[in-house]
């Protein structure tokens, strides 16, 4: 079972990526920044997940 913090970071990252993609369709100038922040949250969720798996052994 994944910890709640990892699920929260993953979900928020997906939301930001989706929001950035939608805003890119409307030529919003900050769309790439929003997608990049979403990717950072996805990376953080992956690192937290891996850290929990490594420490449980």
Protein backbone atom coordinates (compact mmCIF):
# COMPACT_ATOMS: atom_id res chain seq x y z
CA UNK A 1 0.00 0.00 0.00
CA UNK A 2 1.35 3.40 -0.96
CA UNK A 3 1.56 6.08 1.70
CA UNK A 4 -0.93 8.93 1.50
CA UNK A 5 1.80 11.51 0.93
CA UNK A 6 3.02 9.71 -2.20
CA UNK A 7 -0.51 9.44 -3.56
CA UNK A 8 -1.09 13.15 -2.87
CA UNK A 9 2.09 14.23 -4.68
CA UNK A 10 1.31 11.91 -7.58
CA UNK A 11 -2.27 13.16 -7.92
CA UNK A 12 -1.30 16.83 -7.66
CA UNK A 13 1.44 16.30 -10.24
CA UNK A 14 -1.03 14.72 -12.65
CA UNK A 15 -3.43 17.61 -12.07
CA UNK A 16 -0.71 20.16 -12.86
CA UNK A 17 0.36 18.31 -16.00
CA UNK A 18 -3.24 18.11 -17.18
CA UNK A 19 -3.86 21.78 -16.37
CA UNK A 20 -0.67 22.75 -18.21
CA UNK A 21 -1.65 20.71 -21.26
CA UNK A 22 -5.12 22.25 -21.38
CA UNK A 23 -3.73 25.75 -20.93
CA UNK A 24 -1.19 25.11 -23.71
CA UNK A 25 -4.13 24.60 -26.05
CA UNK A 26 -5.26 28.14 -25.21
CA UNK A 27 -1.73 29.56 -25.73
CA UNK A 28 -1.25 30.55 -22.10
CA UNK A 29 2.33 31.71 -21.67
CA UNK A 30 2.83 29.92 -18.33
CA UNK A 31 1.65 26.50 -19.54
CA UNK A 32 5.16 25.04 -19.81
CA UNK A 33 5.99 26.19 -16.30
CA UNK A 34 2.87 24.53 -14.89
CA UNK A 35 3.69 21.28 -16.69
CA UNK A 36 7.29 21.42 -15.43
CA UNK A 37 6.13 21.87 -11.84
CA UNK A 38 3.80 18.91 -12.35
CA UNK A 39 6.73 16.81 -13.52
CA UNK A 40 8.69 17.83 -10.42
CA UNK A 41 5.83 16.61 -8.22
CA UNK A 42 5.73 13.34 -10.18
CA UNK A 43 9.47 12.90 -9.68
CA UNK A 44 9.13 13.65 -5.97
CA UNK A 45 6.37 11.05 -5.65
CA UNK A 46 8.53 8.46 -7.43
CA UNK A 47 11.51 9.23 -5.19
CA UNK A 48 9.39 8.99 -2.03
CA UNK A 49 7.93 5.69 -3.20
CA UNK A 50 11.39 4.28 -3.94
CA UNK A 51 12.75 5.56 -0.62
CA UNK A 52 9.95 3.83 1.31
CA UNK A 53 10.54 0.58 -0.59
CA UNK A 54 14.30 0.67 0.06
CA UNK A 55 13.90 1.45 3.77
CA UNK A 56 11.37 -1.35 4.35
CA UNK A 57 13.95 -4.04 3.52
